[in-house]
């Protein structure tokens, strides 16, 4: 490590011949073993791997119930559908969402004929600003969807207080954050329903996948039904008609092809659960390595703090660092110049979750950025790079060396 740093520091490096991505994946021997067990079982539908994955993931986030689905977006969709049905929300009712987040957070609100109402975000954490929430609440507001962006928990203490004051439901969008705590409690444990993703480049990667978690038994039944075409809850898995008495079997036979609500085909298979369950064994190592990588980048990029806003978070929160966010804060440096330089040197970047300036939202609502100054600042100046556990020492030092090369040319 020391040798690499000395060799790279101050040197102009040749461009590498591959891309350092924002995410990566290694299929471990344990994952291959589990997948082969699934193949040998000749069972892909809901089975022992999915059941165990749900049980262990729920326990890690202090929830009683977990419903495994095919994406974090699907988890959010059934969460909104569940709460709308059971609380008799009407079309046109409103849900508060942060003005900076992945587009799915707002899309799922529109999908259910509800209205997303945007709330500006904190300029340091990029999460929804609790101080801006109450001014957006109306007689039609029904829920808040705080997002734990990039791996950092939102400020759930004041958010929960506001929700209680106005009798609002909370859906935690924790698709980018898992395993970490806020004020001693795990993300996903502050809401009526919390949603997670195991898609590519996330903390756990199963290819496709997601979870909806809750402590409410009625919600759990409806969520599972929604993910299975709206099927009657008496028969949601192929084992539900096994080892039951004759009377109950008769009820199942009569009702197992009944559909009691509009639903979706959001089911996952044993294959993804096998991969996820294997990765779950390495969760502490995954989290530790990402946090170490973030610490490295913060320290090595600190000389450019006049120009770059690096991640910061309160002492009572843990950060999972699904990604490493950066905001250009000095007008002497242009984001597009820095991002293009990094991309030309095979360092992948992405914009920092712009939402309200997306073409579809401009079409629906017009130019909203003037009313959301922090979101506008982030949209114009924010981006992120990878912080995943597979980054090598060489790759991390290469990334820093390219930042140094960029600033050396522009700072006199």
Protein backbone atom coordinates (compact mmCIF):
# COMPACT_ATOMS: atom_id res chain seq x y z
CA UNK A 1 0.00 0.00 0.00
CA UNK A 2 2.74 2.48 0.97
CA UNK A 3 4.69 1.62 -2.16
CA UNK A 4 1.63 2.23 -4.34
CA UNK A 5 0.95 5.63 -2.75
CA UNK A 6 4.55 6.78 -3.19
CA UNK A 7 4.64 5.57 -6.76
CA UNK A 8 1.37 7.25 -7.75
CA UNK A 9 1.56 10.50 -5.81
CA UNK A 10 2.48 13.37 -8.07
CA UNK A 11 2.87 11.13 -11.09
CA UNK A 12 0.85 11.47 -14.27
CA UNK A 13 -0.67 8.06 -14.76
CA UNK A 14 -1.55 6.49 -18.05
CA UNK A 15 -5.23 5.81 -18.52
CA UNK A 16 -6.21 2.34 -17.44
CA UNK A 17 -7.74 0.05 -20.07
CA UNK A 18 -10.90 -0.80 -18.12
CA UNK A 19 -13.61 1.15 -16.34
CA UNK A 20 -13.70 1.55 -12.56
CA UNK A 21 -17.44 1.30 -12.07
CA UNK A 22 -19.76 2.58 -9.38
CA UNK A 23 -20.54 -1.02 -8.45
CA UNK A 24 -19.21 -4.54 -8.92
CA UNK A 25 -19.96 -8.14 -8.03
CA UNK A 26 -18.08 -11.30 -7.11
CA UNK A 27 -20.01 -14.56 -6.85
CA UNK A 28 -18.53 -16.36 -3.85
CA UNK A 29 -18.07 -20.13 -3.49
CA UNK A 30 -20.87 -20.13 -0.91
CA UNK A 31 -23.24 -18.41 -3.34
CA UNK A 32 -22.39 -20.96 -6.03
CA UNK A 33 -22.99 -23.76 -3.54
CA UNK A 34 -26.40 -22.35 -2.61
CA UNK A 35 -27.37 -21.81 -6.27
CA UNK A 36 -26.43 -25.40 -7.08
CA UNK A 37 -28.58 -26.55 -4.17
CA UNK A 38 -31.49 -24.67 -5.72
CA UNK A 39 -30.85 -26.21 -9.14
CA UNK A 40 -30.59 -29.68 -7.66
CA UNK A 41 -33.87 -29.17 -5.80
CA UNK A 42 -35.78 -28.50 -9.06
CA UNK A 43 -37.63 -25.74 -7.24
CA UNK A 44 -37.47 -22.08 -8.26
CA UNK A 45 -40.69 -20.73 -6.73
CA UNK A 46 -40.95 -19.58 -3.12
CA UNK A 47 -39.07 -22.04 -0.96
CA UNK A 48 -36.56 -22.45 1.88
CA UNK A 49 -33.98 -19.96 0.60
CA UNK A 50 -36.53 -17.18 0.13
CA UNK A 51 -38.11 -17.91 3.49
CA UNK A 52 -34.77 -17.80 5.30
CA UNK A 53 -33.61 -14.69 3.43
CA UNK A 54 -36.81 -12.88 4.45
CA UNK A 55 -36.56 -13.99 8.06
CA UNK A 56 -32.90 -12.99 8.51
CA UNK A 57 -33.21 -9.67 6.67
CA UNK A 58 -36.25 -8.68 8.74
CA UNK A 59 -34.45 -9.55 11.97
CA UNK A 60 -31.43 -7.42 11.02
CA UNK A 61 -33.72 -4.40 10.61
CA UNK A 62 -35.85 -5.07 13.69
CA UNK A 63 -39.00 -5.93 11.76
CA UNK A 64 -41.36 -8.89 12.15
CA UNK A 65 -42.25 -9.40 8.49
CA UNK A 66 -40.36 -9.24 5.21
CA UNK A 67 -41.78 -9.72 1.72
CA UNK A 68 -39.18 -10.50 -0.93
CA UNK A 69 -40.01 -9.03 -4.35
CA UNK A 70 -38.25 -8.45 -7.66
CA UNK A 71 -37.01 -4.89 -7.05
CA UNK A 72 -36.91 -2.00 -4.62
CA UNK A 73 -39.28 -0.17 -6.95
CA UNK A 74 -41.75 -3.06 -6.68
CA UNK A 75 -41.44 -2.90 -2.89
CA UNK A 76 -42.30 0.80 -2.98
CA UNK A 77 -45.23 0.18 -5.32
CA UNK A 78 -46.85 -2.42 -3.09
CA UNK A 79 -46.17 -0.26 -0.03
CA UNK A 80 -48.11 2.65 -1.53
CA UNK A 81 -50.85 0.34 -2.84
CA UNK A 82 -51.21 -1.32 0.56
CA UNK A 83 -51.51 1.93 2.50
CA UNK A 84 -53.86 3.46 -0.06
CA UNK A 85 -56.19 0.46 0.12
CA UNK A 86 -56.25 -0.01 3.89
CA UNK A 87 -56.46 3.69 4.73
CA UNK A 88 -59.01 4.59 2.03
CA UNK A 89 -56.85 7.19 0.35
CA UNK A 90 -58.46 8.87 -2.64
CA UNK A 91 -57.03 9.57 -6.08
CA UNK A 92 -55.32 12.96 -5.94
CA UNK A 93 -54.21 12.61 -2.32
CA UNK A 94 -50.63 13.67 -1.67
CA UNK A 95 -47.40 12.03 -0.56
CA UNK A 96 -44.31 14.06 0.36
CA UNK A 97 -41.07 13.00 -1.32
CA UNK A 98 -37.60 14.58 -1.34
CA UNK A 99 -36.68 16.73 -4.32
CA UNK A 100 -33.44 14.76 -4.73
CA UNK A 101 -33.85 11.00 -5.05
CA UNK A 102 -33.97 8.21 -7.62
CA UNK A 103 -36.94 8.70 -9.91
CA UNK A 104 -38.76 5.58 -8.66
CA UNK A 105 -39.58 7.26 -5.33
CA UNK A 106 -41.89 9.71 -7.07
CA UNK A 107 -42.96 7.42 -9.91
CA UNK A 108 -44.63 4.95 -7.54
CA UNK A 109 -46.79 7.76 -6.18
CA UNK A 110 -47.97 8.68 -9.68
CA UNK A 111 -48.56 5.00 -10.47
CA UNK A 112 -51.34 4.95 -7.88
CA UNK A 113 -53.05 8.15 -9.01
CA UNK A 114 -51.61 10.07 -6.09
CA UNK A 115 -49.67 13.33 -6.22
CA UNK A 116 -46.00 13.58 -5.24
CA UNK A 117 -45.29 16.82 -3.40
CA UNK A 118 -41.61 17.64 -3.35
CA UNK A 119 -39.65 18.81 -0.32
CA UNK A 120 -36.21 20.37 -0.62
CA UNK A 121 -33.23 18.57 0.87
CA UNK A 122 -30.45 19.30 3.33
CA UNK A 123 -27.37 20.76 1.57
CA UNK A 124 -24.96 18.59 3.57
CA UNK A 125 -26.66 15.19 3.74
CA UNK A 126 -28.80 15.46 0.55
CA UNK A 127 -31.67 13.84 2.45
CA UNK A 128 -35.11 15.40 2.93
CA UNK A 129 -34.91 18.53 5.10
CA UNK A 130 -37.24 18.11 8.11
CA UNK A 131 -37.43 21.88 8.47
CA UNK A 132 -39.10 22.12 5.06
CA UNK A 133 -41.72 19.41 5.54
CA UNK A 134 -44.52 21.13 7.45
CA UNK A 135 -44.86 23.94 4.92
CA UNK A 136 -45.73 21.31 2.29
CA UNK A 137 -48.45 19.58 4.31
CA UNK A 138 -52.05 20.15 3.18
CA UNK A 139 -55.45 18.67 3.95
CA UNK A 140 -54.71 16.06 1.27
CA UNK A 141 -51.32 14.92 2.61
CA UNK A 142 -51.38 11.25 3.56
CA UNK A 143 -47.77 10.11 3.91
CA UNK A 144 -44.07 10.94 3.80
CA UNK A 145 -41.45 8.92 1.93
CA UNK A 146 -38.06 9.83 3.44
CA UNK A 147 -35.16 8.42 1.45
CA UNK A 148 -31.92 7.20 3.03
CA UNK A 149 -29.80 8.44 0.13
CA UNK A 150 -26.40 7.01 -0.80
CA UNK A 151 -26.23 4.96 2.42
CA UNK A 152 -26.99 7.73 4.93
CA UNK A 153 -30.14 7.56 7.11
CA UNK A 154 -32.53 10.49 6.88
CA UNK A 155 -33.36 12.49 10.01
CA UNK A 156 -36.05 10.12 11.22
CA UNK A 157 -36.53 11.62 14.70
CA UNK A 158 -38.05 14.92 13.55
CA UNK A 159 -39.72 13.24 10.56
CA UNK A 160 -41.47 10.75 12.86
CA UNK A 161 -42.55 13.58 15.16
CA UNK A 162 -44.10 15.48 12.24
CA UNK A 163 -45.82 12.36 10.94
CA UNK A 164 -47.36 11.72 14.34
CA UNK A 165 -48.49 15.33 14.69
CA UNK A 166 -50.34 15.25 11.36
CA UNK A 167 -51.36 11.57 11.42
CA UNK A 168 -49.29 10.71 8.37
CA UNK A 169 -47.99 7.30 7.33
CA UNK A 170 -44.27 6.80 6.69
CA UNK A 171 -42.71 4.67 3.97
CA UNK A 172 -38.94 4.48 4.32
CA UNK A 173 -37.22 4.32 0.94
CA UNK A 174 -34.11 2.50 2.13
CA UNK A 175 -33.21 1.09 -1.26
CA UNK A 176 -29.70 2.56 -1.00
CA UNK A 177 -29.14 1.85 2.69
CA UNK A 178 -29.16 -1.26 4.86
CA UNK A 179 -27.54 -2.61 8.05
CA UNK A 180 -26.66 0.82 9.51
CA UNK A 181 -28.25 2.62 12.45
CA UNK A 182 -29.71 6.03 13.19
CA UNK A 183 -29.66 6.98 16.88
CA UNK A 184 -29.08 3.34 17.79
CA UNK A 185 -31.91 1.88 15.71
CA UNK A 186 -31.58 0.20 12.30
CA UNK A 187 -32.82 1.84 9.12
CA UNK A 188 -36.15 0.39 8.12
CA UNK A 189 -37.46 0.32 11.68
CA UNK A 190 -38.96 3.83 11.80
CA UNK A 191 -41.91 3.45 9.46
CA UNK A 192 -45.13 1.69 8.66
CA UNK A 193 -43.41 -0.01 5.71
CA UNK A 194 -39.77 0.15 4.67
CA UNK A 195 -38.38 -0.76 1.27
CA UNK A 196 -34.97 -2.07 0.21
CA UNK A 197 -33.24 -3.01 -3.05
CA UNK A 198 -30.75 -5.73 -3.94
CA UNK A 199 -30.24 -4.56 -7.52
CA UNK A 200 -26.88 -4.19 -9.26
CA UNK A 201 -24.41 -1.81 -7.51
CA UNK A 202 -26.36 -1.91 -4.23
CA UNK A 203 -25.08 -3.12 -0.87
CA UNK A 204 -26.39 -6.64 -1.39
CA UNK A 205 -26.58 -7.68 -5.04
CA UNK A 206 -28.88 -10.44 -6.28
CA UNK A 207 -29.24 -9.18 -9.86
CA UNK A 208 -32.84 -8.16 -9.28
CA UNK A 209 -34.61 -8.06 -5.96
CA UNK A 210 -36.01 -6.04 -3.09
CA UNK A 211 -37.82 -6.19 0.24
CA UNK A 212 -40.85 -4.64 1.87
CA UNK A 213 -40.62 -4.80 5.68
CA UNK A 214 -43.27 -4.08 8.29
CA UNK A 215 -44.31 -4.84 11.86
CA UNK A 216 -48.00 -4.80 10.97
CA UNK A 217 -49.46 -8.26 10.32
CA UNK A 218 -52.34 -6.92 8.24
CA UNK A 219 -49.95 -4.93 6.07
CA UNK A 220 -47.79 -8.04 5.62
CA UNK A 221 -50.74 -10.08 4.33
CA UNK A 222 -51.80 -7.37 1.87
CA UNK A 223 -48.22 -6.70 0.71
CA UNK A 224 -47.70 -10.39 -0.05
CA UNK A 225 -51.03 -10.58 -1.85
CA UNK A 226 -50.20 -7.51 -3.95
CA UNK A 227 -46.88 -9.06 -5.01
CA UNK A 228 -48.75 -12.21 -6.09
CA UNK A 229 -51.35 -10.77 -8.50
CA UNK A 230 -53.68 -9.81 -5.64
CA UNK A 231 -54.29 -13.46 -4.79
CA UNK A 232 -56.38 -14.52 -1.79
CA UNK A 233 -54.01 -14.77 1.17
CA UNK A 234 -55.13 -18.32 1.91
CA UNK A 235 -52.84 -19.52 -0.89
CA UNK A 236 -49.74 -17.47 -1.69
CA UNK A 237 -47.11 -20.24 -1.84
CA UNK A 238 -47.19 -23.73 -3.33
CA UNK A 239 -46.75 -25.25 0.13
CA UNK A 240 -49.83 -23.60 1.58
CA UNK A 241 -51.98 -26.65 0.78
CA UNK A 242 -49.53 -29.16 2.29
CA UNK A 243 -49.90 -30.79 5.70
CA UNK A 244 -53.29 -29.28 6.48
CA UNK A 245 -56.45 -30.98 7.72
CA UNK A 246 -59.22 -31.95 5.34
CA UNK A 247 -61.49 -29.05 6.25
CA UNK A 248 -58.79 -26.43 5.70
CA UNK A 249 -57.67 -28.10 2.48
CA UNK A 250 -61.23 -27.80 1.19
CA UNK A 251 -61.18 -24.04 1.93
CA UNK A 252 -57.86 -23.68 0.13
CA UNK A 253 -59.07 -25.56 -2.93
CA UNK A 254 -62.13 -23.31 -3.15
CA UNK A 255 -60.15 -20.07 -2.74
CA UNK A 256 -56.63 -20.62 -4.07
CA UNK A 257 -57.41 -19.21 -7.49
CA UNK A 258 -59.33 -16.20 -6.20
CA UNK A 259 -57.97 -12.67 -6.58
CA UNK A 260 -59.25 -10.12 -4.11
CA UNK A 261 -57.50 -6.93 -5.29
CA UNK A 262 -55.62 -5.63 -8.32
CA UNK A 263 -52.06 -6.91 -7.91
CA UNK A 264 -48.77 -7.41 -9.65
CA UNK A 265 -46.37 -10.14 -10.67
CA UNK A 266 -43.51 -9.02 -8.42
CA UNK A 267 -42.28 -12.42 -7.30
CA UNK A 268 -38.64 -13.43 -7.02
CA UNK A 269 -37.12 -16.92 -7.27
CA UNK A 270 -35.01 -19.17 -5.09
CA UNK A 271 -31.99 -18.38 -7.30
CA UNK A 272 -31.78 -14.73 -6.27
CA UNK A 273 -32.50 -15.59 -2.65
CA UNK A 274 -29.63 -18.11 -2.65
CA UNK A 275 -27.19 -15.45 -3.88
CA UNK A 276 -28.51 -12.91 -1.37
CA UNK A 277 -28.43 -15.29 1.56
CA UNK A 278 -24.78 -16.08 0.83
CA UNK A 279 -23.90 -12.38 0.64
CA UNK A 280 -25.70 -11.78 3.91
CA UNK A 281 -22.97 -13.81 5.62
CA UNK A 282 -20.46 -11.13 4.51
CA UNK A 283 -22.53 -8.07 5.43
CA UNK A 284 -20.14 -6.85 8.16
CA UNK A 285 -17.15 -7.13 5.86
CA UNK A 286 -19.02 -5.40 3.02
CA UNK A 287 -20.01 -2.51 5.26
CA UNK A 288 -16.57 -2.18 6.86
CA UNK A 289 -14.77 -2.13 3.52
CA UNK A 290 -17.08 0.50 2.06
CA UNK A 291 -16.62 2.69 5.12
CA UNK A 292 -12.84 2.26 4.92
CA UNK A 293 -12.89 3.24 1.25
CA UNK A 294 -14.94 6.34 2.06
CA UNK A 295 -12.53 7.31 4.81
CA UNK A 296 -9.66 6.95 2.34
CA UNK A 297 -11.32 9.17 -0.28
CA UNK A 298 -12.29 11.83 2.28
CA UNK A 299 -8.74 12.00 3.61
CA UNK A 300 -7.02 12.03 0.21
CA UNK A 301 -9.43 14.54 -1.35
CA UNK A 302 -9.40 16.83 1.69
CA UNK A 303 -6.80 19.18 0.08
CA UNK A 304 -9.55 20.15 -2.39
CA UNK A 305 -12.22 20.94 0.22
CA UNK A 306 -12.30 24.53 -1.03
CA UNK A 307 -13.65 23.16 -4.30
CA UNK A 308 -15.41 19.92 -3.40
CA UNK A 309 -18.03 19.14 -0.77
CA UNK A 310 -17.23 15.68 0.53
CA UNK A 311 -19.58 13.44 2.55
CA UNK A 312 -20.38 14.41 6.13
CA UNK A 313 -22.87 12.96 8.57
CA UNK A 314 -23.96 13.43 12.21
CA UNK A 315 -22.29 11.45 14.98
CA UNK A 316 -25.54 9.64 15.83
CA UNK A 317 -25.81 8.18 12.32
CA UNK A 318 -23.88 5.44 10.57
CA UNK A 319 -23.15 5.63 6.83
CA UNK A 320 -23.25 2.57 4.59
CA UNK A 321 -21.65 4.34 1.58
CA UNK A 322 -23.48 2.59 -1.18
CA UNK A 323 -21.92 5.37 -3.24
CA UNK A 324 -19.53 8.27 -2.65
CA UNK A 325 -21.25 11.64 -3.31
CA UNK A 326 -19.36 14.78 -4.27
CA UNK A 327 -20.66 18.29 -4.95
CA UNK A 328 -18.55 20.91 -6.73
CA UNK A 329 -18.97 24.03 -4.59
CA UNK A 330 -16.50 26.51 -6.08
CA UNK A 331 -17.49 28.35 -9.29
CA UNK A 332 -13.85 28.21 -10.43
CA UNK A 333 -14.43 24.53 -11.14
CA UNK A 334 -17.17 23.20 -13.41
CA UNK A 335 -18.76 19.87 -12.66
CA UNK A 336 -18.96 18.94 -16.33
CA UNK A 337 -15.22 19.47 -16.75
CA UNK A 338 -14.34 17.29 -13.75
CA UNK A 339 -16.84 14.56 -14.64
CA UNK A 340 -15.70 14.46 -18.26
CA UNK A 341 -12.06 14.23 -17.18
CA UNK A 342 -12.84 11.33 -14.85
CA UNK A 343 -14.91 9.54 -17.50
CA UNK A 344 -12.15 10.02 -20.09
CA UNK A 345 -9.85 8.28 -17.64
CA UNK A 346 -12.24 5.35 -17.18
CA UNK A 347 -13.62 6.40 -13.79
CA UNK A 348 -17.39 6.01 -13.93
CA UNK A 349 -19.54 8.81 -12.53
CA UNK A 350 -23.28 9.42 -12.23
CA UNK A 351 -25.32 12.53 -11.51
CA UNK A 352 -26.34 12.81 -7.85
CA UNK A 353 -29.93 11.53 -8.16
CA UNK A 354 -31.62 14.43 -9.98
CA UNK A 355 -35.42 14.23 -9.94
CA UNK A 356 -37.35 17.44 -10.48
CA UNK A 357 -35.37 18.36 -13.62
CA UNK A 358 -36.05 15.01 -15.30
CA UNK A 359 -37.87 15.39 -18.66
CA UNK A 360 -41.01 13.63 -17.45
CA UNK A 361 -41.30 15.87 -14.37
CA UNK A 362 -40.64 19.00 -16.41
CA UNK A 363 -43.49 17.86 -18.66
CA UNK A 364 -45.82 17.18 -15.73
CA UNK A 365 -45.01 20.13 -13.46
CA UNK A 366 -42.90 22.61 -15.41
CA UNK A 367 -39.69 24.11 -14.07
CA UNK A 368 -39.69 23.41 -10.34
CA UNK A 369 -36.03 24.09 -9.61
CA UNK A 370 -36.61 27.76 -8.83
CA UNK A 371 -38.64 26.66 -5.79
CA UNK A 372 -36.06 24.11 -4.63
CA UNK A 373 -32.71 25.93 -4.47
CA UNK A 374 -30.78 23.14 -2.74
CA UNK A 375 -32.01 20.52 -5.18
CA UNK A 376 -31.09 22.82 -8.05
CA UNK A 377 -27.59 23.31 -6.64
CA UNK A 378 -27.13 19.55 -6.29
CA UNK A 379 -28.55 18.87 -9.75
CA UNK A 380 -26.11 21.32 -11.28
CA UNK A 381 -23.03 20.38 -9.25
CA UNK A 382 -23.43 16.93 -7.71
CA UNK A 383 -22.18 13.53 -8.84
CA UNK A 384 -20.91 10.31 -7.33
CA UNK A 385 -18.22 7.71 -7.81
CA UNK A 386 -17.94 4.11 -6.64
CA UNK A 387 -17.11 3.19 -3.07
CA UNK A 388 -17.75 -0.55 -3.23
CA UNK A 389 -15.87 -3.27 -1.40
CA UNK A 390 -14.14 -4.62 -4.50
CA UNK A 391 -12.08 -1.48 -5.20
CA UNK A 392 -8.39 -2.37 -5.05
CA UNK A 393 -5.70 -0.21 -3.48
CA UNK A 394 -4.40 0.54 -6.96
CA UNK A 395 -7.84 1.64 -8.17
CA UNK A 396 -8.44 3.89 -5.18
CA UNK A 397 -5.07 5.54 -5.59
CA UNK A 398 -5.61 5.83 -9.33
CA UNK A 399 -8.90 7.66 -8.71
CA UNK A 400 -7.26 10.08 -6.28
CA UNK A 401 -4.30 10.60 -8.63
CA UNK A 402 -6.70 11.59 -11.40
CA UNK A 403 -8.39 14.13 -9.12
CA UNK A 404 -4.92 15.49 -8.30
CA UNK A 405 -4.05 15.66 -11.99
CA UNK A 406 -7.27 17.52 -12.76
CA UNK A 407 -6.77 20.14 -10.04
CA UNK A 408 -3.09 20.57 -10.78
CA UNK A 409 -4.01 21.81 -14.23
CA UNK A 410 -6.65 24.23 -12.98
CA UNK A 411 -5.43 25.59 -9.65
CA UNK A 412 -2.65 28.14 -9.86
